[in-house]
Amino acid sequence: MHLVELTDTIIKKIVIDPESVSVKEFVSEDEDTVLIEVMIPNSEMPKVIGKNGNVINAIRTIVQASAHLDGNKKVNINISAY
């Protein structure tokens, strides 16, 4: 569960309105994969994605590195806007 908390903390530090962010973990078909869904307002999407996807790729790298330290799980982070 700490991967979700790590993702939540990073995303909330980037956006203007942290209360508008929702980060949840979902069950994966593969037991070695963690699926994390991030819901953010449409207006916050450019901040989280970044130019050419640089910001979200950095977030994914950090979370994947943390997962590797705790048991080599694969992490998929999906971002959706509302």
N, C-alpha and C. Protein backbone atom coordinates (compact mmCIF):
# COMPACT_ATOMS: atom_id res chain seq x y z
N MET A 1 0.82 -1.21 0.00
CA MET A 1 0.00 0.00 0.00
C MET A 1 0.86 1.26 0.00
N HIS A 2 2.10 1.16 0.38
CA HIS A 2 2.93 2.37 0.44
C HIS A 2 3.19 2.97 -0.93
N LEU A 3 3.07 2.18 -2.01
CA LEU A 3 3.26 2.71 -3.35
C LEU A 3 2.16 3.71 -3.70
N VAL A 4 0.96 3.44 -3.26
CA VAL A 4 -0.16 4.36 -3.47
C VAL A 4 0.07 5.64 -2.68
N GLU A 5 0.54 5.51 -1.45
CA GLU A 5 0.81 6.69 -0.62
C GLU A 5 1.94 7.53 -1.22
N LEU A 6 2.96 6.87 -1.74
CA LEU A 6 4.07 7.59 -2.38
C LEU A 6 3.57 8.35 -3.61
N THR A 7 2.79 7.69 -4.44
CA THR A 7 2.23 8.33 -5.63
C THR A 7 1.34 9.50 -5.24
N ASP A 8 0.50 9.30 -4.24
CA ASP A 8 -0.41 10.34 -3.75
C ASP A 8 0.37 11.56 -3.27
N THR A 9 1.41 11.34 -2.50
CA THR A 9 2.22 12.44 -1.97
C THR A 9 2.89 13.23 -3.09
N ILE A 10 3.46 12.55 -4.05
CA ILE A 10 4.15 13.24 -5.14
C ILE A 10 3.16 14.06 -5.97
N ILE A 11 2.04 13.45 -6.34
CA ILE A 11 1.05 14.15 -7.17
C ILE A 11 0.49 15.36 -6.43
N LYS A 12 0.20 15.21 -5.15
CA LYS A 12 -0.39 16.31 -4.38
C LYS A 12 0.58 17.47 -4.20
N LYS A 13 1.87 17.22 -4.26
CA LYS A 13 2.86 18.31 -4.17
C LYS A 13 2.95 19.09 -5.48
N ILE A 14 2.52 18.50 -6.58
CA ILE A 14 2.62 19.15 -7.88
C ILE A 14 1.41 20.03 -8.18
N VAL A 15 0.23 19.57 -7.80
CA VAL A 15 -1.00 20.27 -8.18
C VAL A 15 -1.30 21.46 -7.26
N ILE A 16 -2.18 22.35 -7.74
CA ILE A 16 -2.57 23.52 -6.95
C ILE A 16 -3.56 23.15 -5.85
N ASP A 17 -4.53 22.27 -6.18
CA ASP A 17 -5.55 21.86 -5.22
C ASP A 17 -5.38 20.38 -4.86
N PRO A 18 -4.60 20.07 -3.83
CA PRO A 18 -4.33 18.68 -3.47
C PRO A 18 -5.58 17.88 -3.08
N GLU A 19 -6.59 18.58 -2.58
CA GLU A 19 -7.82 17.89 -2.16
C GLU A 19 -8.59 17.33 -3.36
N SER A 20 -8.31 17.81 -4.55
CA SER A 20 -9.03 17.36 -5.74
C SER A 20 -8.43 16.09 -6.35
N VAL A 21 -7.36 15.60 -5.78
CA VAL A 21 -6.65 14.43 -6.32
C VAL A 21 -7.13 13.16 -5.61
N SER A 22 -7.34 12.12 -6.40
CA SER A 22 -7.71 10.81 -5.85
C SER A 22 -6.75 9.78 -6.41
N VAL A 23 -6.11 9.02 -5.52
CA VAL A 23 -5.18 7.97 -5.93
C VAL A 23 -5.63 6.67 -5.28
N LYS A 24 -5.88 5.65 -6.12
CA LYS A 24 -6.38 4.37 -5.60
C LYS A 24 -5.65 3.22 -6.27
N GLU A 25 -5.59 2.12 -5.53
CA GLU A 25 -4.98 0.90 -6.06
C GLU A 25 -6.09 -0.05 -6.49
N PHE A 26 -5.89 -0.71 -7.63
CA PHE A 26 -6.86 -1.66 -8.14
C PHE A 26 -6.22 -3.03 -8.28
N VAL A 27 -7.06 -4.06 -8.24
CA VAL A 27 -6.60 -5.44 -8.35
C VAL A 27 -6.17 -5.70 -9.79
N SER A 28 -5.06 -6.36 -9.93
CA SER A 28 -4.52 -6.69 -11.24
C SER A 28 -4.69 -8.18 -11.49
N GLU A 29 -4.79 -8.55 -12.77
CA GLU A 29 -4.86 -9.97 -13.12
C GLU A 29 -3.55 -10.66 -12.77
N ASP A 30 -2.46 -9.94 -12.90
CA ASP A 30 -1.13 -10.47 -12.58
C ASP A 30 -0.80 -10.08 -11.14
N GLU A 31 -0.54 -11.06 -10.29
CA GLU A 31 -0.30 -10.76 -8.88
C GLU A 31 1.00 -10.00 -8.63
N ASP A 32 1.88 -9.95 -9.62
CA ASP A 32 3.14 -9.21 -9.48
C ASP A 32 3.05 -7.79 -10.00
N THR A 33 1.84 -7.34 -10.31
CA THR A 33 1.64 -5.99 -10.84
C THR A 33 0.71 -5.20 -9.93
N VAL A 34 1.09 -3.96 -9.68
CA VAL A 34 0.26 -3.04 -8.91
C VAL A 34 -0.31 -2.01 -9.87
N LEU A 35 -1.63 -1.88 -9.89
CA LEU A 35 -2.29 -0.88 -10.74
C LEU A 35 -2.70 0.30 -9.87
N ILE A 36 -2.23 1.48 -10.23
CA ILE A 36 -2.56 2.70 -9.49
C ILE A 36 -3.29 3.64 -10.44
N GLU A 37 -4.47 4.07 -10.04
CA GLU A 37 -5.28 5.01 -10.83
C GLU A 37 -5.26 6.36 -10.15
N VAL A 38 -4.89 7.39 -10.89
CA VAL A 38 -4.85 8.77 -10.39
C VAL A 38 -5.94 9.56 -11.09
N MET A 39 -6.83 10.16 -10.33
CA MET A 39 -7.89 11.02 -10.86
C MET A 39 -7.57 12.45 -10.48
N ILE A 40 -7.46 13.32 -11.49
CA ILE A 40 -7.16 14.73 -11.24
C ILE A 40 -8.08 15.60 -12.10
N PRO A 41 -8.28 16.85 -11.69
CA PRO A 41 -9.08 17.75 -12.52
C PRO A 41 -8.39 18.01 -13.87
N ASN A 42 -9.19 18.26 -14.87
CA ASN A 42 -8.67 18.54 -16.21
C ASN A 42 -7.66 19.68 -16.21
N SER A 43 -7.90 20.69 -15.38
CA SER A 43 -7.01 21.86 -15.34
C SER A 43 -5.63 21.53 -14.78
N GLU A 44 -5.51 20.46 -14.01
CA GLU A 44 -4.24 20.07 -13.39
C GLU A 44 -3.42 19.12 -14.28
N MET A 45 -4.04 18.60 -15.34
CA MET A 45 -3.39 17.60 -16.18
C MET A 45 -2.04 18.04 -16.74
N PRO A 46 -1.91 19.27 -17.27
CA PRO A 46 -0.59 19.66 -17.81
C PRO A 46 0.53 19.66 -16.76
N LYS A 47 0.21 19.98 -15.52
CA LYS A 47 1.24 19.99 -14.46
C LYS A 47 1.73 18.58 -14.16
N VAL A 48 0.81 17.63 -14.16
CA VAL A 48 1.16 16.26 -13.80
C VAL A 48 1.82 15.52 -14.96
N ILE A 49 1.36 15.78 -16.17
CA ILE A 49 1.95 15.12 -17.33
C ILE A 49 3.31 15.74 -17.68
N GLY A 50 3.37 17.06 -17.70
CA GLY A 50 4.62 17.75 -18.05
C GLY A 50 4.86 17.74 -19.54
N LYS A 51 5.84 18.50 -19.96
CA LYS A 51 6.19 18.59 -21.38
C LYS A 51 6.74 17.25 -21.85
N ASN A 52 6.15 16.74 -22.91
CA ASN A 52 6.53 15.43 -23.48
C ASN A 52 6.40 14.28 -22.48
N GLY A 53 5.59 14.45 -21.45
CA GLY A 53 5.38 13.39 -20.47
C GLY A 53 6.51 13.22 -19.47
N ASN A 54 7.38 14.21 -19.38
CA ASN A 54 8.56 14.10 -18.52
C ASN A 54 8.20 13.96 -17.04
N VAL A 55 7.21 14.70 -16.57
CA VAL A 55 6.88 14.67 -15.14
C VAL A 55 6.28 13.32 -14.76
N ILE A 56 5.28 12.85 -15.52
CA ILE A 56 4.67 11.57 -15.17
C ILE A 56 5.66 10.42 -15.33
N ASN A 57 6.56 10.50 -16.29
CA ASN A 57 7.57 9.46 -16.44
C ASN A 57 8.53 9.44 -15.25
N ALA A 58 8.85 10.61 -14.73
CA ALA A 58 9.71 10.67 -13.54
C ALA A 58 8.99 10.08 -12.33
N ILE A 59 7.70 10.39 -12.20
CA ILE A 59 6.91 9.83 -11.09
C ILE A 59 6.88 8.31 -11.20
N ARG A 60 6.63 7.81 -12.40
CA ARG A 60 6.59 6.35 -12.60
C ARG A 60 7.94 5.71 -12.26
N THR A 61 9.03 6.37 -12.62
CA THR A 61 10.36 5.85 -12.32
C THR A 61 10.60 5.77 -10.81
N ILE A 62 10.22 6.81 -10.09
CA ILE A 62 10.40 6.82 -8.64
C ILE A 62 9.58 5.73 -7.98
N VAL A 63 8.33 5.60 -8.37
CA VAL A 63 7.45 4.59 -7.76
C VAL A 63 7.92 3.19 -8.13
N GLN A 64 8.34 3.00 -9.38
CA GLN A 64 8.84 1.68 -9.79
C GLN A 64 10.12 1.31 -9.02
N ALA A 65 10.99 2.28 -8.79
CA ALA A 65 12.21 2.02 -8.02
C ALA A 65 11.86 1.62 -6.58
N SER A 66 10.88 2.28 -6.01
CA SER A 66 10.44 1.92 -4.66
C SER A 66 9.85 0.51 -4.63
N ALA A 67 9.09 0.17 -5.65
CA ALA A 67 8.50 -1.17 -5.73
C ALA A 67 9.59 -2.23 -5.86
N HIS A 68 10.61 -1.91 -6.63
CA HIS A 68 11.72 -2.85 -6.81
C HIS A 68 12.42 -3.15 -5.48
N LEU A 69 12.54 -2.15 -4.63
CA LEU A 69 13.18 -2.35 -3.33
C LEU A 69 12.35 -3.25 -2.42
N ASP A 70 11.04 -3.30 -2.68
CA ASP A 70 10.14 -4.05 -1.81
C ASP A 70 9.65 -5.37 -2.40
N GLY A 71 10.24 -5.85 -3.44
CA GLY A 71 9.83 -7.15 -3.92
C GLY A 71 9.63 -7.28 -5.42
N ASN A 72 10.21 -6.39 -6.19
CA ASN A 72 10.21 -6.51 -7.64
C ASN A 72 8.83 -6.52 -8.29
N LYS A 73 7.88 -5.80 -7.74
CA LYS A 73 6.57 -5.70 -8.37
C LYS A 73 6.61 -4.68 -9.49
N LYS A 74 5.81 -4.93 -10.52
CA LYS A 74 5.69 -3.98 -11.62
C LYS A 74 4.56 -3.02 -11.26
N VAL A 75 4.74 -1.74 -11.59
CA VAL A 75 3.75 -0.73 -11.26
C VAL A 75 3.24 -0.09 -12.53
N ASN A 76 1.91 -0.02 -12.66
CA ASN A 76 1.27 0.71 -13.76
C ASN A 76 0.52 1.86 -13.15
N ILE A 77 0.85 3.09 -13.55
CA ILE A 77 0.16 4.28 -13.07
C ILE A 77 -0.61 4.87 -14.24
N ASN A 78 -1.94 4.92 -14.08
CA ASN A 78 -2.80 5.50 -15.11
C ASN A 78 -3.36 6.81 -14.56
N ILE A 79 -3.40 7.82 -15.43
CA ILE A 79 -3.91 9.13 -15.03
C ILE A 79 -5.17 9.41 -15.82
N SER A 80 -6.22 9.81 -15.11
CA SER A 80 -7.48 10.18 -15.74
C SER A 80 -7.90 11.54 -15.24
N ALA A 81 -8.53 12.31 -16.11
CA ALA A 81 -9.02 13.64 -15.73
C ALA A 81 -10.54 13.61 -15.63
N TYR A 82 -11.04 14.48 -14.78
CA TYR A 82 -12.50 14.63 -14.68
C TYR A 82 -12.89 16.06 -14.82
